[in-house]
Amino acid sequence: MKPTPSPRVRFFAILALILVAGGGAYMLIHGSSSTSNTAGTQTTLRATKHTQTTAKRGAKLEKSKKSASVGGINALDAALVNHPLVVVSVYARNVSTDDQAMSEAQAGAAAAGAGFVAFNVFDERTARQLATLLGGNAAPSPEVLFFKRGRKLAFTLQGFADSRIVAQAAKNVYPFSDPWVSDADRICRRFSGPLSLALSKAKSANLDTAAGRAQAAAAMNSAAATLTRETKSLRAVRANMGNAKDYSQLVADLQQIATNMGSEAAALRGNDRTTATSIDQKNAALIASASSLAAKLQIISCAS
C-alpha cells in the first residue's frame, strides 16, 4: 500500500503544476507575439527598402532625362528657331568652376534676350557634335560661343565670363531691341525701296530743261507721297516711355521732310531754282537730324 502524501507535499506538487502550466502559457502567448512582431518588423523593413530603392531609381531616371536634354546640335537648332542669337556655354559637368560658368552664361543670355544652350563636353557624344560644329576643332571649357541663325559662329569668349560680360557681348553681336523698334524698322524697310527710287529719279533729272524740271518735280511728289504714307504707319507704333519723345520727333521730322519735298516740287515746276535749292538744303539738314535720331533709337532702316 502506497503511503498517503502529506498535505504539504500535495501543496508543493500542485504549485509546481501551476508554475509549469503558467510558464508554458506565457511562452505560448509571448513567444507567438514576439514572432509576430519580428515578422511585422521584417515586412516593414522590406517595404521601406523597396520604397527607397524605387525613389532612388526614379531620381536617377529623372537625372538621366535632364542630362540627356541638355545641349547638342538639335537643341541649338531648336533655340535658333526662336532666337536670332543663341549663347552656347561649353562646360564640363561636375567641374565646379565650369558649372558656375554655365550658370553665368545662362543668366547673361537671359539678360540680353538671347537663346541659351549648354554643351557638356564631359559627354563624349556632345563633345563630338561640338567639334563637328566648329569644323573639327575641340573647344576648351569653360567657353562661351555666340551663334546666329544658320549655325553661324559670330563671337567667342574664352575662359570664365560672368553674366554681365556675356550679356554685353550678346548685345554687341546682335543688339536686342524692343518689339516697337522692330515694328518701326519693318515699316521703314518697306518704304525704303520706293522712296530711294523716287529720289534717284529726281537727282538724275536735268534741271536746266523744262522737261528735266518736270521729271524732278514728279519724282519729288512721288517721294513726298511715299514718305507721308510711311509716317502715317509709323505714328501707329507706340514707343516705350523712355524713347517716346525722340520717336515722336523722328516721325515729325520725317513728315516735315515730306512736306518740304512737295514744296520743292512746286518750286521746280515754277522754275524757281533759288527756292528749290533753299528747300533742298533745309531738307538735307533735317534728313541728317532724323537719321541721327533713328540711329539712336536703333531703327536702322529709318537712318539714311
Protein backbone atom coordinates (compact mmCIF):
# COMPACT_ATOMS: atom_id res chain seq x y z
CA MET A 1 0.00 0.00 0.00
CA LYS A 2 1.34 3.31 -1.06
CA PRO A 3 1.87 5.89 1.65
CA THR A 4 -0.52 8.81 1.54
CA PRO A 5 1.28 12.09 0.71
CA SER A 6 1.21 14.63 3.42
CA PRO A 7 -0.79 17.86 2.84
CA ARG A 8 2.46 19.79 2.49
CA VAL A 9 3.76 17.53 -0.29
CA ARG A 10 0.45 17.75 -2.12
CA PHE A 11 0.57 21.54 -1.90
CA PHE A 12 4.05 21.75 -3.46
CA ALA A 13 3.07 19.32 -6.26
CA ILE A 14 0.02 21.39 -7.17
CA LEU A 15 2.10 24.56 -7.05
CA ALA A 16 4.68 23.03 -9.39
CA LEU A 17 1.97 22.06 -11.89
CA ILE A 18 0.55 25.59 -11.80
CA LEU A 19 4.00 27.11 -12.43
CA VAL A 20 4.74 24.73 -15.31
CA ALA A 21 1.35 25.37 -16.90
CA GLY A 22 1.66 29.11 -16.39
CA GLY A 23 5.16 29.20 -17.85
CA GLY A 24 4.01 27.27 -20.89
CA ALA A 25 1.09 29.62 -21.41
CA TYR A 26 3.41 32.63 -21.05
CA MET A 27 5.83 31.22 -23.66
CA LEU A 28 2.96 30.34 -25.95
CA ILE A 29 1.45 33.81 -25.77
CA HIS A 30 4.58 35.97 -25.66
CA GLY A 31 6.61 33.74 -27.94
CA SER A 32 3.89 33.98 -30.59
CA SER A 33 3.69 37.74 -30.13
CA SER A 34 7.46 38.09 -30.45
CA THR A 35 7.43 36.04 -33.62
CA SER A 36 4.58 38.13 -34.97
CA ASN A 37 6.36 41.38 -34.12
CA THR A 38 9.57 40.18 -35.70
CA ALA A 39 7.78 39.21 -38.89
CA GLY A 40 5.97 42.55 -38.94
CA THR A 41 9.24 44.41 -38.45
CA GLN A 42 10.89 42.47 -41.24
CA THR A 43 7.94 43.17 -43.54
CA THR A 44 8.10 46.90 -42.73
CA LEU A 45 11.85 46.97 -43.37
CA ARG A 46 11.40 45.23 -46.72
CA ALA A 47 8.67 47.70 -47.73
CA THR A 48 10.78 50.68 -46.68
CA LYS A 49 13.80 49.35 -48.53
CA HIS A 50 11.66 48.81 -51.65
CA THR A 51 10.29 52.36 -51.45
CA GLN A 52 13.77 53.83 -51.04
CA THR A 53 15.08 51.78 -53.96
CA THR A 54 12.17 52.89 -56.15
CA ALA A 55 12.74 56.51 -55.17
CA LYS A 56 16.44 56.25 -55.97
CA ARG A 57 15.69 54.69 -59.33
CA GLY A 58 13.16 57.44 -60.08
CA ALA A 59 15.63 60.16 -59.11
CA LYS A 60 18.33 58.53 -61.19
CA LEU A 61 15.98 58.28 -64.17
CA GLU A 62 14.93 61.93 -63.78
CA LYS A 63 18.56 63.00 -63.54
CA SER A 64 19.33 60.96 -66.65
CA LYS A 65 16.49 62.66 -68.52
CA LYS A 66 17.73 66.11 -67.53
CA SER A 67 21.27 65.30 -68.60
CA ALA A 68 20.07 63.94 -71.92
CA SER A 69 18.04 67.08 -72.65
CA VAL A 70 20.94 69.48 -72.12
CA GLY A 71 22.87 70.61 -75.17
CA GLY A 72 23.53 69.09 -78.53
CA ILE A 73 23.14 70.34 -82.08
CA ASN A 74 19.41 69.59 -82.08
CA ALA A 75 18.96 71.82 -79.03
CA LEU A 76 20.95 74.58 -80.73
CA ASP A 77 18.85 74.37 -83.89
CA ALA A 78 15.65 74.48 -81.85
CA ALA A 79 16.88 77.55 -79.96
CA LEU A 80 17.82 79.31 -83.20
CA VAL A 81 14.25 78.92 -84.43
CA ASN A 82 13.03 81.12 -81.57
CA HIS A 83 16.04 83.41 -81.22
CA PRO A 84 18.22 85.15 -83.82
CA LEU A 85 21.15 84.76 -81.43
CA VAL A 86 21.91 81.81 -79.14
CA VAL A 87 24.50 81.78 -76.38
CA VAL A 88 26.25 78.40 -76.10
CA SER A 89 28.02 77.53 -72.86
CA VAL A 90 30.80 74.96 -73.28
CA TYR A 91 31.39 73.32 -69.90
CA ALA A 92 32.42 70.09 -68.24
CA ARG A 93 29.76 68.76 -65.89
CA ASN A 94 30.84 68.08 -62.29
CA VAL A 95 33.62 70.66 -62.54
CA SER A 96 32.57 73.36 -60.06
CA THR A 97 34.05 76.32 -61.94
CA ASP A 98 32.56 75.10 -65.22
CA ASP A 99 29.13 74.65 -63.64
CA GLN A 100 29.33 78.21 -62.35
CA ALA A 101 30.45 79.49 -65.75
CA MET A 102 27.47 77.75 -67.35
CA SER A 103 25.07 79.41 -64.89
CA GLU A 104 26.61 82.82 -65.57
CA ALA A 105 26.30 82.33 -69.33
CA GLN A 106 22.65 81.36 -68.96
CA ALA A 107 21.92 84.46 -66.87
CA GLY A 108 23.75 86.68 -69.37
CA ALA A 109 21.79 85.23 -72.28
CA ALA A 110 18.51 85.89 -70.47
CA ALA A 111 19.53 89.48 -69.72
CA ALA A 112 20.29 90.10 -73.41
CA GLY A 113 17.13 88.41 -74.68
CA ALA A 114 19.15 85.70 -76.44
CA GLY A 115 18.59 81.97 -76.54
CA PHE A 116 20.71 79.58 -74.47
CA VAL A 117 22.11 76.08 -74.90
CA ALA A 118 24.73 74.26 -72.81
CA PHE A 119 27.18 71.79 -74.34
CA ASN A 120 28.56 69.38 -71.74
CA VAL A 121 31.91 68.25 -73.18
CA PHE A 122 32.15 65.69 -70.38
CA ASP A 123 29.75 63.72 -72.56
CA GLU A 124 31.70 62.22 -75.47
CA ARG A 125 28.80 62.35 -77.93
CA THR A 126 28.13 66.03 -77.22
CA ALA A 127 31.83 66.82 -77.45
CA ARG A 128 31.99 65.20 -80.90
CA GLN A 129 28.95 67.19 -82.06
CA LEU A 130 30.55 70.41 -80.88
CA ALA A 131 33.83 69.60 -82.62
CA THR A 132 31.91 68.97 -85.85
CA LEU A 133 30.08 72.26 -85.37
CA LEU A 134 33.42 74.05 -85.03
CA GLY A 135 34.97 72.49 -88.11
CA GLY A 136 36.73 69.67 -86.32
CA ASN A 137 38.26 71.83 -83.61
CA ALA A 138 37.82 70.82 -79.99
CA ALA A 139 36.52 73.58 -77.72
CA PRO A 140 38.07 74.13 -74.29
CA SER A 141 35.93 74.53 -71.21
CA PRO A 142 34.68 76.83 -69.96
CA GLU A 143 33.95 78.85 -73.07
CA VAL A 144 31.00 80.87 -74.42
CA LEU A 145 30.06 80.77 -78.10
CA PHE A 146 27.59 83.08 -79.84
CA PHE A 147 25.68 81.59 -82.79
CA LYS A 148 23.43 83.36 -85.27
CA ARG A 149 20.85 81.62 -87.43
CA GLY A 150 22.31 79.21 -89.91
CA ARG A 151 24.65 77.95 -87.15
CA LYS A 152 27.00 80.85 -87.86
CA LEU A 153 29.56 81.37 -85.12
CA ALA A 154 29.64 85.14 -84.54
CA PHE A 155 31.80 85.54 -81.45
CA THR A 156 33.71 83.60 -78.78
CA LEU A 157 34.52 84.30 -75.15
CA GLN A 158 37.28 82.02 -73.88
CA GLY A 159 37.56 81.12 -70.22
CA PHE A 160 35.24 82.15 -67.41
CA ALA A 161 32.88 85.07 -68.15
CA ASP A 162 30.31 86.45 -65.74
CA SER A 163 26.73 87.24 -66.73
CA ARG A 164 27.38 90.95 -67.37
CA ILE A 165 30.18 90.22 -69.83
CA VAL A 166 28.07 87.58 -71.60
CA ALA A 167 25.08 89.95 -71.83
CA GLN A 168 27.17 92.80 -73.21
CA ALA A 169 28.84 90.54 -75.76
CA ALA A 170 25.44 89.25 -76.88
CA LYS A 171 24.14 92.79 -77.33
CA ASN A 172 27.25 93.72 -79.32
CA VAL A 173 26.91 90.70 -81.58
CA TYR A 174 23.17 91.08 -82.14
CA PRO A 175 21.62 94.11 -80.45
CA PHE A 176 18.33 93.19 -78.86
CA SER A 177 15.54 95.70 -79.38
CA ASP A 178 12.05 96.15 -78.03
CA PRO A 179 9.16 94.96 -80.24
CA TRP A 180 8.15 98.53 -81.13
CA VAL A 181 11.64 99.14 -82.56
CA SER A 182 11.29 96.08 -84.80
CA ASP A 183 7.86 97.27 -85.94
CA ALA A 184 9.16 100.74 -86.84
CA ASP A 185 12.19 99.29 -88.59
CA ARG A 186 9.98 96.99 -90.65
CA ILE A 187 7.86 99.95 -91.77
CA CYS A 188 10.89 101.97 -92.85
CA ARG A 189 12.29 98.96 -94.68
CA ARG A 190 9.01 98.51 -96.55
CA PHE A 191 9.04 102.10 -97.84
CA SER A 192 12.79 102.44 -98.38
CA GLY A 193 12.75 100.90 -101.88
CA PRO A 194 10.09 103.16 -103.49
CA LEU A 195 11.49 106.21 -101.68
CA SER A 196 15.04 105.58 -102.90
CA LEU A 197 13.83 105.05 -106.46
CA ALA A 198 11.87 108.33 -106.49
CA LEU A 199 14.77 110.33 -105.05
CA SER A 200 17.16 108.76 -107.55
CA LYS A 201 14.93 109.90 -110.44
CA ALA A 202 14.81 113.42 -109.01
CA LYS A 203 18.59 113.63 -108.71
CA SER A 204 19.17 112.32 -112.21
CA ALA A 205 16.88 114.90 -113.85
CA ASN A 206 18.39 117.78 -115.83
CA LEU A 207 17.13 120.92 -114.09
CA ASP A 208 18.36 123.14 -116.90
CA THR A 209 15.48 122.00 -119.10
CA ALA A 210 11.74 122.26 -118.60
CA ALA A 211 11.35 118.52 -119.20
CA GLY A 212 14.06 117.79 -116.63
CA ARG A 213 12.45 120.03 -114.04
CA ALA A 214 9.08 118.40 -114.67
CA GLN A 215 10.68 114.98 -114.21
CA ALA A 216 12.34 116.09 -110.97
CA ALA A 217 9.08 117.63 -109.69
CA ALA A 218 7.12 114.45 -110.44
CA ALA A 219 9.76 112.34 -108.68
CA MET A 220 9.77 114.67 -105.65
CA ASN A 221 5.98 114.48 -105.39
CA SER A 222 6.17 110.70 -105.57
CA ALA A 223 8.82 110.65 -102.82
CA ALA A 224 6.73 113.02 -100.69
CA ALA A 225 3.64 110.80 -101.06
CA THR A 226 5.63 107.69 -100.14
CA LEU A 227 7.17 109.36 -97.09
CA THR A 228 3.76 110.62 -95.96
CA ARG A 229 2.36 107.07 -96.07
CA GLU A 230 5.42 105.88 -94.15
CA THR A 231 5.00 108.47 -91.38
CA LYS A 232 1.30 107.61 -91.12
CA SER A 233 2.23 103.97 -90.46
CA LEU A 234 4.97 104.99 -88.03
CA ARG A 235 2.51 107.03 -85.97
CA ALA A 236 0.58 103.85 -85.22
CA VAL A 237 3.66 102.43 -83.46
CA ARG A 238 3.81 103.15 -79.73
CA ALA A 239 7.33 103.62 -78.40
CA ASN A 240 8.12 102.94 -74.76
CA MET A 241 8.08 105.86 -72.34
CA GLY A 242 11.85 106.28 -72.30
CA ASN A 243 12.00 106.79 -76.08
CA ALA A 244 8.58 108.31 -76.78
CA LYS A 245 9.87 111.88 -77.09
CA ASP A 246 12.69 111.04 -79.52
CA TYR A 247 10.42 108.78 -81.54
CA SER A 248 7.75 111.47 -81.80
CA GLN A 249 10.40 113.92 -83.00
CA LEU A 250 11.62 111.42 -85.61
CA VAL A 251 8.11 110.98 -87.04
CA ALA A 252 7.59 114.77 -87.07
CA ASP A 253 10.91 115.28 -88.88
CA LEU A 254 10.00 112.70 -91.50
CA GLN A 255 6.65 114.35 -92.10
CA GLN A 256 8.32 117.75 -92.44
CA ILE A 257 10.77 116.29 -94.95
CA ALA A 258 7.79 115.03 -96.97
CA THR A 259 6.14 118.46 -96.83
CA ASN A 260 9.37 120.12 -97.93
CA MET A 261 9.65 117.73 -100.85
CA GLY A 262 6.22 118.81 -102.04
CA SER A 263 7.23 122.48 -101.77
CA GLU A 264 10.44 121.80 -103.69
CA ALA A 265 8.46 120.08 -106.43
CA ALA A 266 6.21 123.14 -106.74
CA ALA A 267 9.25 125.43 -106.94
CA LEU A 268 10.77 123.31 -109.69
CA ARG A 269 7.57 123.40 -111.68
CA GLY A 270 7.59 127.19 -111.44
CA ASN A 271 11.26 127.23 -112.46
CA ASP A 272 12.13 128.85 -109.11
CA ARG A 273 15.56 127.30 -108.80
CA THR A 274 16.58 129.51 -105.88
CA THR A 275 13.66 128.45 -103.70
CA ALA A 276 14.08 124.83 -104.74
CA THR A 277 17.77 124.90 -103.76
CA SER A 278 16.98 126.56 -100.42
CA ILE A 279 14.36 123.93 -99.58
CA ASP A 280 16.73 121.17 -100.62
CA GLN A 281 19.38 122.49 -98.22
CA LYS A 282 16.90 122.66 -95.35
CA ASN A 283 15.84 119.12 -96.09
CA ALA A 284 19.46 117.92 -96.09
CA ALA A 285 19.90 119.21 -92.52
CA LEU A 286 16.55 117.75 -91.48
CA ILE A 287 17.37 114.37 -93.02
CA ALA A 288 20.68 114.29 -91.10
CA SER A 289 18.84 115.04 -87.85
CA ALA A 290 16.20 112.36 -88.50
CA SER A 291 18.90 109.86 -89.42
CA SER A 292 20.71 110.56 -86.15
CA LEU A 293 17.51 110.06 -84.15
CA ALA A 294 16.74 106.80 -85.97
CA ALA A 295 20.24 105.50 -85.24
CA LYS A 296 19.88 106.46 -81.58
CA LEU A 297 16.59 104.55 -81.41
CA GLN A 298 18.18 101.60 -83.27
CA ILE A 299 15.64 101.92 -86.10
CA ILE A 300 18.34 101.20 -88.65
CA SER A 301 16.16 101.19 -91.77
CA CYS A 302 14.93 104.72 -90.97
CA ALA A 303 18.50 106.04 -90.81
CA SER A 304 19.72 107.18 -94.24
